[in-house]
């Protein structure tokens, strides 16, 4: 879930930037420090947007620069269990597909794509269903539900978020559109 958060953090202003400590300088330094970072409780900081208040600067012994406490607004992404998300397939491997849902990639295991058996086509870098003939490949849009969340703060790239697309209303966007068209055709006939 994306959310707007009002946060407090300390930012170091290097000596060469001390002549003009302004909201813009603090904003730039906070963006460099925090954007793309992960916090177990907060999630991923996608963007630092506004600085509201800058405290008094503090000088630490044997440290170049001045440290300022700043209150600011950030856009964060926190993956929540059972949340339905839309994403795009970034990579297909023998055991499933990695789906980008904003700032992170999740795993949609082959067993969680649908009720069919999906096998890996290495040449086409796609997963093919044995009965329906449906295929899932790179750049396909997918709607899934988050079923596992394990965040690694120290190395956000090692975080593990798992998806399922086995329920009704979930799956590749093209499959969902086909299902909607079939439902509409049945309503017209009935």
N, C-alpha and C. Protein backbone atom coordinates (compact mmCIF):
# COMPACT_ATOMS: atom_id res chain seq x y z
N UNK A 1 0.84 -1.16 0.00
CA UNK A 1 0.00 0.00 0.00
C UNK A 1 0.89 1.24 0.00
N UNK A 2 0.57 2.17 -0.87
CA UNK A 2 1.27 3.44 -0.87
C UNK A 2 0.61 4.35 0.16
N UNK A 3 1.43 5.09 0.87
CA UNK A 3 0.87 6.03 1.84
C UNK A 3 1.80 7.22 1.99
N UNK A 4 1.21 8.29 2.45
CA UNK A 4 1.95 9.52 2.73
C UNK A 4 2.24 9.53 4.21
N UNK A 5 3.52 9.75 4.57
CA UNK A 5 3.89 9.71 5.98
C UNK A 5 4.66 10.98 6.35
N UNK A 6 4.39 11.47 7.54
CA UNK A 6 5.15 12.60 8.07
C UNK A 6 6.20 12.01 9.00
N UNK A 7 7.49 12.24 8.69
CA UNK A 7 8.59 11.58 9.38
C UNK A 7 9.58 12.60 9.95
N UNK A 8 10.44 12.09 10.81
CA UNK A 8 11.50 12.88 11.44
C UNK A 8 12.80 12.11 11.27
N UNK A 9 13.84 12.79 10.80
CA UNK A 9 15.14 12.14 10.63
C UNK A 9 16.23 13.20 10.75
N UNK A 10 17.45 12.73 10.95
CA UNK A 10 18.60 13.61 11.03
C UNK A 10 19.37 13.53 9.72
N UNK A 11 19.76 14.68 9.23
CA UNK A 11 20.50 14.72 7.97
C UNK A 11 21.80 15.51 8.17
N UNK A 12 22.87 14.98 7.58
CA UNK A 12 24.18 15.64 7.68
C UNK A 12 24.35 16.58 6.49
N UNK A 13 24.64 17.85 6.81
CA UNK A 13 24.93 18.83 5.77
C UNK A 13 26.44 18.98 5.71
N UNK A 14 27.06 18.62 4.57
CA UNK A 14 28.52 18.70 4.46
C UNK A 14 29.00 20.16 4.48
N UNK A 15 30.26 20.36 4.83
CA UNK A 15 30.79 21.73 4.95
C UNK A 15 30.57 22.60 3.72
N UNK A 16 30.70 22.03 2.53
CA UNK A 16 30.56 22.83 1.31
C UNK A 16 29.12 23.29 1.06
N UNK A 17 28.14 22.77 1.80
CA UNK A 17 26.74 23.17 1.62
C UNK A 17 26.24 24.04 2.78
N UNK A 18 27.11 24.35 3.75
CA UNK A 18 26.67 25.08 4.94
C UNK A 18 26.37 26.55 4.69
N UNK A 19 26.84 27.10 3.59
CA UNK A 19 26.59 28.53 3.33
C UNK A 19 25.12 28.81 3.01
N UNK A 20 24.36 27.79 2.64
CA UNK A 20 22.95 28.00 2.30
C UNK A 20 22.11 26.81 2.76
N UNK A 21 21.93 26.68 4.08
CA UNK A 21 21.09 25.60 4.61
C UNK A 21 19.64 26.05 4.48
N UNK A 22 18.96 25.50 3.46
CA UNK A 22 17.58 25.88 3.19
C UNK A 22 16.73 24.61 3.09
N UNK A 23 15.42 24.79 2.96
CA UNK A 23 14.52 23.64 2.77
C UNK A 23 14.94 22.82 1.55
N UNK A 24 15.35 23.51 0.48
CA UNK A 24 15.74 22.81 -0.76
C UNK A 24 16.98 21.95 -0.55
N UNK A 25 17.95 22.46 0.18
CA UNK A 25 19.18 21.69 0.45
C UNK A 25 18.86 20.48 1.32
N UNK A 26 18.09 20.69 2.38
CA UNK A 26 17.71 19.60 3.28
C UNK A 26 16.88 18.56 2.51
N UNK A 27 15.95 19.01 1.66
CA UNK A 27 15.14 18.11 0.86
C UNK A 27 16.02 17.24 -0.04
N UNK A 28 16.96 17.86 -0.72
CA UNK A 28 17.87 17.13 -1.61
C UNK A 28 18.69 16.09 -0.83
N UNK A 29 19.21 16.48 0.33
CA UNK A 29 20.00 15.56 1.15
C UNK A 29 19.16 14.41 1.70
N UNK A 30 17.92 14.70 2.10
CA UNK A 30 17.01 13.65 2.57
C UNK A 30 16.66 12.69 1.44
N UNK A 31 16.43 13.22 0.25
CA UNK A 31 16.14 12.38 -0.91
C UNK A 31 17.31 11.43 -1.19
N UNK A 32 18.53 11.98 -1.19
CA UNK A 32 19.71 11.14 -1.43
C UNK A 32 19.86 10.06 -0.35
N UNK A 33 19.57 10.43 0.88
CA UNK A 33 19.75 9.51 2.01
C UNK A 33 18.68 8.41 2.08
N UNK A 34 17.43 8.78 1.78
CA UNK A 34 16.32 7.88 2.11
C UNK A 34 15.61 7.20 0.94
N UNK A 35 15.56 7.84 -0.20
CA UNK A 35 14.78 7.27 -1.31
C UNK A 35 15.38 5.94 -1.75
N UNK A 36 14.52 4.93 -1.85
CA UNK A 36 14.94 3.59 -2.22
C UNK A 36 15.34 2.74 -1.02
N UNK A 37 15.40 3.34 0.15
CA UNK A 37 15.76 2.60 1.36
C UNK A 37 14.52 1.90 1.92
N UNK A 38 14.77 0.91 2.76
CA UNK A 38 13.70 0.11 3.33
C UNK A 38 13.78 0.11 4.85
N UNK A 39 12.62 0.18 5.47
CA UNK A 39 12.50 0.09 6.92
C UNK A 39 11.45 -0.98 7.19
N UNK A 40 11.74 -1.89 8.13
CA UNK A 40 10.84 -3.01 8.39
C UNK A 40 9.44 -2.56 8.79
N UNK A 41 9.34 -1.47 9.55
CA UNK A 41 8.04 -1.00 10.00
C UNK A 41 7.35 -0.09 8.99
N UNK A 42 8.12 0.66 8.23
CA UNK A 42 7.58 1.67 7.33
C UNK A 42 7.41 1.16 5.91
N UNK A 43 8.34 0.34 5.44
CA UNK A 43 8.34 -0.11 4.05
C UNK A 43 9.41 0.62 3.26
N UNK A 44 9.21 0.74 1.95
CA UNK A 44 10.18 1.39 1.07
C UNK A 44 9.84 2.86 0.93
N UNK A 45 10.85 3.71 1.09
CA UNK A 45 10.67 5.14 0.86
C UNK A 45 10.79 5.36 -0.64
N UNK A 46 9.68 5.75 -1.25
CA UNK A 46 9.64 5.96 -2.69
C UNK A 46 10.08 7.37 -3.04
N UNK A 47 9.62 8.37 -2.27
CA UNK A 47 9.97 9.76 -2.54
C UNK A 47 9.84 10.59 -1.28
N UNK A 48 10.79 11.50 -1.09
CA UNK A 48 10.68 12.53 -0.05
C UNK A 48 10.18 13.77 -0.78
N UNK A 49 9.03 14.30 -0.34
CA UNK A 49 8.38 15.35 -1.13
C UNK A 49 8.47 16.75 -0.55
N UNK A 50 8.40 16.90 0.77
CA UNK A 50 8.37 18.23 1.38
C UNK A 50 9.13 18.23 2.69
N UNK A 51 9.76 19.36 2.99
CA UNK A 51 10.38 19.57 4.31
C UNK A 51 9.49 20.57 5.04
N UNK A 52 9.09 20.21 6.26
CA UNK A 52 8.19 21.07 7.03
C UNK A 52 8.92 21.91 8.07
N UNK A 53 9.90 21.30 8.72
CA UNK A 53 10.59 22.00 9.79
C UNK A 53 12.03 21.50 9.90
N UNK A 54 12.94 22.44 10.11
CA UNK A 54 14.35 22.09 10.29
C UNK A 54 14.76 22.57 11.67
N UNK A 55 15.31 21.65 12.46
CA UNK A 55 15.74 22.00 13.81
C UNK A 55 17.09 22.70 13.82
N UNK A 56 17.57 22.96 15.01
CA UNK A 56 18.89 23.57 15.19
C UNK A 56 19.97 22.58 14.73
N UNK A 57 21.04 23.10 14.17
CA UNK A 57 22.14 22.25 13.75
C UNK A 57 22.99 21.82 14.93
N UNK A 58 23.51 20.61 14.85
CA UNK A 58 24.40 20.08 15.89
C UNK A 58 25.74 19.71 15.27
N UNK A 59 26.80 20.08 15.97
CA UNK A 59 28.14 19.73 15.52
C UNK A 59 28.64 18.60 16.42
N UNK A 60 29.13 17.56 15.80
CA UNK A 60 29.67 16.43 16.54
C UNK A 60 31.19 16.46 16.48
N UNK A 61 31.78 16.11 17.58
CA UNK A 61 33.23 16.09 17.67
C UNK A 61 33.81 15.16 16.61
N UNK A 62 34.82 15.64 15.91
CA UNK A 62 35.56 14.86 14.92
C UNK A 62 34.72 14.48 13.70
N UNK A 63 33.65 15.23 13.43
CA UNK A 63 32.79 15.00 12.25
C UNK A 63 32.72 16.28 11.44
N UNK A 64 32.98 16.17 10.15
CA UNK A 64 32.81 17.33 9.27
C UNK A 64 31.33 17.46 8.96
N UNK A 65 30.85 18.67 8.94
CA UNK A 65 29.45 18.90 8.64
C UNK A 65 28.65 19.18 9.89
N UNK A 66 27.39 19.55 9.65
CA UNK A 66 26.46 19.86 10.74
C UNK A 66 25.24 18.95 10.56
N UNK A 67 24.73 18.44 11.67
CA UNK A 67 23.59 17.52 11.65
C UNK A 67 22.31 18.26 12.05
N UNK A 68 21.31 18.18 11.18
CA UNK A 68 20.03 18.84 11.41
C UNK A 68 18.93 17.80 11.52
N UNK A 69 18.05 18.00 12.48
CA UNK A 69 16.86 17.15 12.56
C UNK A 69 15.79 17.83 11.71
N UNK A 70 15.16 17.06 10.83
CA UNK A 70 14.17 17.63 9.93
C UNK A 70 12.88 16.81 9.96
N UNK A 71 11.77 17.52 9.91
CA UNK A 71 10.46 16.90 9.77
C UNK A 71 10.05 17.05 8.32
N UNK A 72 9.59 15.95 7.71
CA UNK A 72 9.32 15.97 6.27
C UNK A 72 8.21 14.99 5.92
N UNK A 73 7.73 15.09 4.69
CA UNK A 73 6.72 14.19 4.16
C UNK A 73 7.37 13.26 3.15
N UNK A 74 7.01 11.97 3.22
CA UNK A 74 7.53 10.99 2.27
C UNK A 74 6.39 10.10 1.78
N UNK A 75 6.54 9.62 0.56
CA UNK A 75 5.64 8.61 0.01
C UNK A 75 6.33 7.27 0.24
N UNK A 76 5.65 6.35 0.91
CA UNK A 76 6.24 5.05 1.21
C UNK A 76 5.35 3.93 0.67
N UNK A 77 5.98 2.80 0.40
CA UNK A 77 5.26 1.62 -0.05
C UNK A 77 5.48 0.51 0.96
N UNK A 78 4.38 0.03 1.55
CA UNK A 78 4.44 -1.07 2.50
C UNK A 78 3.59 -2.22 1.96
N UNK A 79 4.23 -3.34 1.58
CA UNK A 79 3.45 -4.47 1.10
C UNK A 79 2.70 -5.13 2.26
N UNK A 80 1.39 -5.24 2.14
CA UNK A 80 0.56 -5.80 3.21
C UNK A 80 0.02 -7.16 2.81
N UNK A 81 0.01 -8.09 3.75
CA UNK A 81 -0.57 -9.41 3.49
C UNK A 81 -2.01 -9.26 3.04
N UNK A 82 -2.39 -10.06 2.05
CA UNK A 82 -3.73 -10.12 1.46
C UNK A 82 -4.05 -8.94 0.55
N UNK A 83 -3.14 -8.00 0.39
CA UNK A 83 -3.37 -6.86 -0.49
C UNK A 83 -3.33 -7.32 -1.95
N UNK A 84 -4.26 -6.82 -2.75
CA UNK A 84 -4.28 -7.11 -4.19
C UNK A 84 -3.49 -6.01 -4.88
N UNK A 85 -2.53 -6.42 -5.71
CA UNK A 85 -1.64 -5.47 -6.38
C UNK A 85 -1.56 -5.79 -7.87
N UNK A 86 -1.28 -4.75 -8.65
CA UNK A 86 -1.02 -4.92 -10.07
C UNK A 86 0.45 -4.68 -10.31
N UNK A 87 1.03 -5.45 -11.22
CA UNK A 87 2.44 -5.30 -11.54
C UNK A 87 2.73 -5.77 -12.94
N UNK A 88 4.02 -5.79 -13.25
CA UNK A 88 4.47 -6.19 -14.57
C UNK A 88 5.55 -7.25 -14.41
N UNK A 89 5.48 -8.30 -15.22
CA UNK A 89 6.47 -9.38 -15.15
C UNK A 89 7.82 -8.82 -15.60
N UNK A 90 8.81 -8.93 -14.71
CA UNK A 90 10.16 -8.44 -14.98
C UNK A 90 11.07 -9.54 -15.49
N UNK A 91 10.82 -10.78 -15.02
CA UNK A 91 11.68 -11.90 -15.39
C UNK A 91 10.89 -13.19 -15.21
N UNK A 92 11.14 -14.14 -16.12
CA UNK A 92 10.53 -15.47 -16.00
C UNK A 92 11.64 -16.48 -15.85
N UNK A 93 11.49 -17.36 -14.86
CA UNK A 93 12.47 -18.41 -14.59
C UNK A 93 11.72 -19.75 -14.50
N UNK A 94 12.45 -20.82 -14.36
CA UNK A 94 11.83 -22.15 -14.39
C UNK A 94 10.79 -22.36 -13.29
N UNK A 95 10.91 -21.69 -12.16
CA UNK A 95 9.99 -21.92 -11.05
C UNK A 95 8.90 -20.85 -10.91
N UNK A 96 8.90 -19.83 -11.78
CA UNK A 96 7.87 -18.80 -11.69
C UNK A 96 8.26 -17.52 -12.37
N UNK A 97 7.58 -16.44 -11.98
CA UNK A 97 7.82 -15.13 -12.57
C UNK A 97 8.06 -14.11 -11.47
N UNK A 98 9.01 -13.22 -11.73
CA UNK A 98 9.23 -12.09 -10.83
C UNK A 98 8.42 -10.92 -11.36
N UNK A 99 7.56 -10.38 -10.48
CA UNK A 99 6.62 -9.34 -10.86
C UNK A 99 6.99 -8.06 -10.11
N UNK A 100 7.23 -6.98 -10.86
CA UNK A 100 7.52 -5.67 -10.25
C UNK A 100 6.22 -5.02 -9.83
N UNK A 101 6.15 -4.65 -8.55
CA UNK A 101 4.97 -3.95 -8.03
C UNK A 101 5.44 -2.62 -7.42
N UNK A 102 5.93 -1.75 -8.26
CA UNK A 102 6.46 -0.48 -7.77
C UNK A 102 7.93 -0.61 -7.49
N UNK A 103 8.34 -0.32 -6.24
CA UNK A 103 9.77 -0.29 -5.94
C UNK A 103 10.40 -1.66 -5.71
N UNK A 104 9.62 -2.75 -5.73
CA UNK A 104 10.16 -4.07 -5.43
C UNK A 104 9.65 -5.12 -6.40
N UNK A 105 10.39 -6.23 -6.47
CA UNK A 105 9.97 -7.38 -7.25
C UNK A 105 9.44 -8.45 -6.30
N UNK A 106 8.37 -9.11 -6.73
CA UNK A 106 7.77 -10.19 -5.95
C UNK A 106 7.87 -11.48 -6.75
N UNK A 107 7.64 -12.60 -6.10
CA UNK A 107 7.66 -13.89 -6.80
C UNK A 107 6.25 -14.43 -6.94
N UNK A 108 5.89 -14.72 -8.18
CA UNK A 108 4.66 -15.44 -8.48
C UNK A 108 5.11 -16.84 -8.90
N UNK A 109 5.07 -17.77 -7.93
CA UNK A 109 5.54 -19.14 -8.19
C UNK A 109 4.65 -19.78 -9.25
N UNK A 110 5.22 -20.66 -10.06
CA UNK A 110 4.46 -21.33 -11.13
C UNK A 110 3.21 -22.02 -10.59
N UNK A 111 3.28 -22.56 -9.38
CA UNK A 111 2.12 -23.25 -8.80
C UNK A 111 1.03 -22.28 -8.37
N UNK A 112 1.33 -20.98 -8.34
CA UNK A 112 0.37 -19.97 -7.90
C UNK A 112 -0.21 -19.14 -9.04
N UNK A 113 0.12 -19.50 -10.28
CA UNK A 113 -0.38 -18.73 -11.43
C UNK A 113 -1.85 -19.06 -11.69
N UNK A 114 -2.19 -20.33 -11.63
CA UNK A 114 -3.56 -20.75 -11.89
C UNK A 114 -3.73 -22.22 -11.57
N UNK A 115 -4.88 -22.76 -11.98
CA UNK A 115 -5.18 -24.16 -11.68
C UNK A 115 -4.48 -25.12 -12.63
N UNK A 116 -4.00 -24.61 -13.73
CA UNK A 116 -3.31 -25.41 -14.74
C UNK A 116 -1.86 -25.67 -14.31
N UNK A 117 -1.20 -26.61 -14.99
CA UNK A 117 0.23 -26.86 -14.75
C UNK A 117 1.02 -25.98 -15.71
N UNK A 118 1.95 -25.18 -15.19
CA UNK A 118 2.75 -24.27 -16.02
C UNK A 118 4.18 -24.79 -16.11
N UNK A 119 4.64 -24.93 -17.37
CA UNK A 119 6.02 -25.37 -17.59
C UNK A 119 6.80 -24.22 -18.24
N UNK A 120 8.10 -24.27 -18.06
CA UNK A 120 8.99 -23.19 -18.50
C UNK A 120 9.46 -23.43 -19.92
N UNK A 121 9.28 -22.45 -20.78
CA UNK A 121 9.80 -22.45 -22.15
C UNK A 121 11.03 -21.56 -22.16
N UNK A 122 12.20 -22.18 -22.09
CA UNK A 122 13.45 -21.43 -21.98
C UNK A 122 13.71 -20.55 -23.19
N UNK A 123 13.40 -21.05 -24.40
CA UNK A 123 13.65 -20.27 -25.62
C UNK A 123 12.80 -19.00 -25.65
N UNK A 124 11.53 -19.12 -25.26
CA UNK A 124 10.65 -17.96 -25.27
C UNK A 124 10.60 -17.21 -23.97
N UNK A 125 11.31 -17.71 -22.96
CA UNK A 125 11.30 -17.11 -21.62
C UNK A 125 9.86 -16.86 -21.16
N UNK A 126 9.05 -17.93 -21.25
CA UNK A 126 7.65 -17.85 -20.87
C UNK A 126 7.26 -19.09 -20.08
N UNK A 127 6.18 -18.97 -19.34
CA UNK A 127 5.58 -20.11 -18.66
C UNK A 127 4.30 -20.46 -19.43
N UNK A 128 4.18 -21.72 -19.86
CA UNK A 128 3.02 -22.16 -20.65
C UNK A 128 2.16 -23.11 -19.85
N UNK A 129 0.84 -22.91 -19.96
CA UNK A 129 -0.12 -23.80 -19.31
C UNK A 129 -0.33 -25.02 -20.19
N UNK A 130 -0.33 -26.21 -19.59
CA UNK A 130 -0.42 -27.45 -20.36
C UNK A 130 -1.82 -27.66 -20.96
N UNK A 131 -2.88 -27.29 -20.28
CA UNK A 131 -4.23 -27.54 -20.79
C UNK A 131 -4.81 -26.36 -21.56
N UNK A 132 -4.75 -25.16 -20.99
CA UNK A 132 -5.39 -24.00 -21.61
C UNK A 132 -4.55 -23.37 -22.71
N UNK A 133 -3.24 -23.60 -22.70
CA UNK A 133 -2.36 -22.99 -23.70
C UNK A 133 -1.99 -21.55 -23.37
N UNK A 134 -2.46 -21.04 -22.24
CA UNK A 134 -2.13 -19.67 -21.85
C UNK A 134 -0.64 -19.58 -21.55
N UNK A 135 -0.08 -18.37 -21.75
CA UNK A 135 1.35 -18.16 -21.50
C UNK A 135 1.54 -16.86 -20.73
N UNK A 136 2.58 -16.85 -19.92
CA UNK A 136 2.95 -15.67 -19.13
C UNK A 136 4.40 -15.36 -19.41
N UNK A 137 4.66 -14.11 -19.84
CA UNK A 137 6.03 -13.74 -20.19
C UNK A 137 6.40 -12.35 -19.71
N UNK A 138 7.63 -11.95 -20.00
CA UNK A 138 8.15 -10.65 -19.59
C UNK A 138 7.27 -9.54 -20.17
N UNK A 139 7.05 -8.51 -19.36
CA UNK A 139 6.25 -7.32 -19.67
C UNK A 139 4.74 -7.55 -19.62
N UNK A 140 4.29 -8.76 -19.29
CA UNK A 140 2.86 -8.99 -19.13
C UNK A 140 2.39 -8.35 -17.83
N UNK A 141 1.24 -7.70 -17.87
CA UNK A 141 0.63 -7.15 -16.67
C UNK A 141 -0.04 -8.25 -15.87
N UNK A 142 0.07 -8.20 -14.55
CA UNK A 142 -0.46 -9.24 -13.68
C UNK A 142 -1.13 -8.61 -12.47
N UNK A 143 -2.25 -9.20 -12.05
CA UNK A 143 -2.89 -8.82 -10.79
C UNK A 143 -2.76 -10.02 -9.86
N UNK A 144 -2.22 -9.77 -8.67
CA UNK A 144 -2.02 -10.85 -7.70
C UNK A 144 -2.33 -10.38 -6.29
N UNK A 145 -2.37 -11.33 -5.39
CA UNK A 145 -2.59 -11.03 -3.97
C UNK A 145 -1.34 -11.40 -3.20
N UNK A 146 -0.90 -10.51 -2.32
CA UNK A 146 0.30 -10.75 -1.53
C UNK A 146 -0.01 -11.80 -0.46
N UNK A 147 0.79 -12.90 -0.47
CA UNK A 147 0.55 -13.98 0.50
C UNK A 147 1.71 -14.18 1.47
N UNK A 148 2.89 -13.65 1.15
CA UNK A 148 4.03 -13.71 2.08
C UNK A 148 4.81 -12.42 2.02
N UNK A 149 5.26 -11.96 3.19
CA UNK A 149 6.10 -10.77 3.27
C UNK A 149 7.21 -11.03 4.27
N UNK A 150 8.45 -10.95 3.80
CA UNK A 150 9.62 -11.08 4.65
C UNK A 150 10.60 -9.99 4.23
N UNK A 151 10.67 -8.92 5.02
CA UNK A 151 11.49 -7.76 4.65
C UNK A 151 12.85 -7.86 5.30
N UNK A 152 13.89 -7.66 4.49
CA UNK A 152 15.27 -7.62 4.96
C UNK A 152 15.72 -6.17 4.90
N UNK A 153 15.74 -5.50 6.07
CA UNK A 153 16.10 -4.08 6.14
C UNK A 153 17.51 -3.80 5.66
N UNK A 154 18.44 -4.67 6.02
CA UNK A 154 19.85 -4.44 5.67
C UNK A 154 20.10 -4.54 4.18
N UNK A 155 19.39 -5.46 3.54
CA UNK A 155 19.54 -5.62 2.10
C UNK A 155 18.15 -5.78 1.50
N UNK A 156 17.47 -4.66 1.20
CA UNK A 156 16.10 -4.72 0.70
C UNK A 156 15.93 -5.62 -0.52
N UNK A 157 16.99 -5.77 -1.31
CA UNK A 157 16.92 -6.63 -2.48
C UNK A 157 16.73 -8.09 -2.12
N UNK A 158 17.06 -8.46 -0.89
CA UNK A 158 16.88 -9.84 -0.42
C UNK A 158 15.52 -10.07 0.24
N UNK A 159 14.69 -9.03 0.29
CA UNK A 159 13.34 -9.19 0.84
C UNK A 159 12.56 -10.14 -0.04
N UNK A 160 11.65 -10.88 0.58
CA UNK A 160 10.87 -11.86 -0.16
C UNK A 160 9.37 -11.56 0.01
N UNK A 161 8.74 -11.28 -1.12
CA UNK A 161 7.30 -11.06 -1.15
C UNK A 161 6.73 -12.04 -2.16
N UNK A 162 5.76 -12.82 -1.73
CA UNK A 162 5.16 -13.83 -2.59
C UNK A 162 3.75 -13.46 -3.00
N UNK A 163 3.39 -13.79 -4.23
CA UNK A 163 2.06 -13.52 -4.77
C UNK A 163 1.34 -14.82 -5.11
N UNK A 164 0.02 -14.72 -5.16
CA UNK A 164 -0.79 -15.77 -5.76
C UNK A 164 -1.73 -15.12 -6.76
N UNK A 165 -2.09 -15.87 -7.79
CA UNK A 165 -3.05 -15.40 -8.78
C UNK A 165 -4.10 -16.48 -9.03
N UNK A 166 -4.30 -17.35 -8.06
CA UNK A 166 -5.18 -18.51 -8.23
C UNK A 166 -6.67 -18.19 -8.01
N UNK A 167 -6.98 -17.09 -7.38
CA UNK A 167 -8.39 -16.78 -7.12
C UNK A 167 -9.01 -16.03 -8.31
N UNK A 168 -10.33 -16.03 -8.31
CA UNK A 168 -11.09 -15.31 -9.33
C UNK A 168 -10.73 -13.83 -9.28
N UNK A 169 -10.58 -13.22 -10.44
CA UNK A 169 -10.24 -11.80 -10.52
C UNK A 169 -8.76 -11.52 -10.46
N UNK A 170 -7.95 -12.57 -10.38
CA UNK A 170 -6.50 -12.43 -10.35
C UNK A 170 -5.90 -13.13 -11.55
N UNK A 171 -4.71 -12.69 -11.98
CA UNK A 171 -4.01 -13.33 -13.09
C UNK A 171 -3.48 -12.30 -14.07
N UNK A 172 -3.08 -12.79 -15.22
CA UNK A 172 -2.57 -11.92 -16.28
C UNK A 172 -3.70 -11.00 -16.74
N UNK A 173 -3.40 -9.73 -16.96
CA UNK A 173 -4.43 -8.76 -17.33
C UNK A 173 -5.20 -9.21 -18.58
N UNK A 174 -4.51 -9.75 -19.57
CA UNK A 174 -5.19 -10.21 -20.78
C UNK A 174 -6.18 -11.32 -20.50
N UNK A 175 -5.86 -12.23 -19.58
CA UNK A 175 -6.78 -13.31 -19.22
C UNK A 175 -8.01 -12.75 -18.52
N UNK A 176 -7.80 -11.75 -17.68
CA UNK A 176 -8.92 -11.14 -16.96
C UNK A 176 -9.86 -10.44 -17.93
N UNK A 177 -9.29 -9.75 -18.94
CA UNK A 177 -10.11 -9.07 -19.95
C UNK A 177 -10.91 -10.09 -20.75
N UNK A 178 -10.29 -11.22 -21.12
CA UNK A 178 -11.00 -12.28 -21.86
C UNK A 178 -12.14 -12.83 -21.02
N UNK A 179 -11.90 -13.04 -19.74
CA UNK A 179 -12.95 -13.56 -18.85
C UNK A 179 -14.11 -12.57 -18.74
N UNK A 180 -13.79 -11.27 -18.67
CA UNK A 180 -14.84 -10.25 -18.61
C UNK A 180 -15.67 -10.25 -19.89
N UNK A 181 -15.01 -10.38 -21.05
CA UNK A 181 -15.73 -10.40 -22.33
C UNK A 181 -16.62 -11.63 -22.42
N UNK A 182 -16.15 -12.78 -21.94
CA UNK A 182 -16.96 -14.00 -21.94
C UNK A 182 -18.18 -13.83 -21.04
N UNK A 183 -17.99 -13.21 -19.87
CA UNK A 183 -19.11 -12.96 -18.95
C UNK A 183 -20.14 -12.04 -19.58
N UNK A 184 -19.68 -10.99 -20.28
CA UNK A 184 -20.60 -10.06 -20.93
C UNK A 184 -21.37 -10.76 -22.05
N UNK A 185 -20.68 -11.63 -22.82
CA UNK A 185 -21.33 -12.35 -23.91
C UNK A 185 -22.40 -13.29 -23.35
N UNK A 186 -22.14 -13.94 -22.22
CA UNK A 186 -23.11 -14.83 -21.60
C UNK A 186 -24.32 -14.06 -21.08
N UNK A 187 -24.10 -12.86 -20.57
CA UNK A 187 -25.21 -12.03 -20.08
C UNK A 187 -26.11 -11.60 -21.22
N UNK A 188 -25.52 -11.28 -22.40
CA UNK A 188 -26.29 -10.88 -23.56
C UNK A 188 -27.13 -12.04 -24.07
N UNK A 189 -26.52 -13.24 -24.07
CA UNK A 189 -27.23 -14.44 -24.54
C UNK A 189 -28.36 -14.83 -23.59
N UNK A 190 -28.15 -14.64 -22.30
CA UNK A 190 -29.09 -15.09 -21.27
C UNK A 190 -30.19 -14.15 -21.08
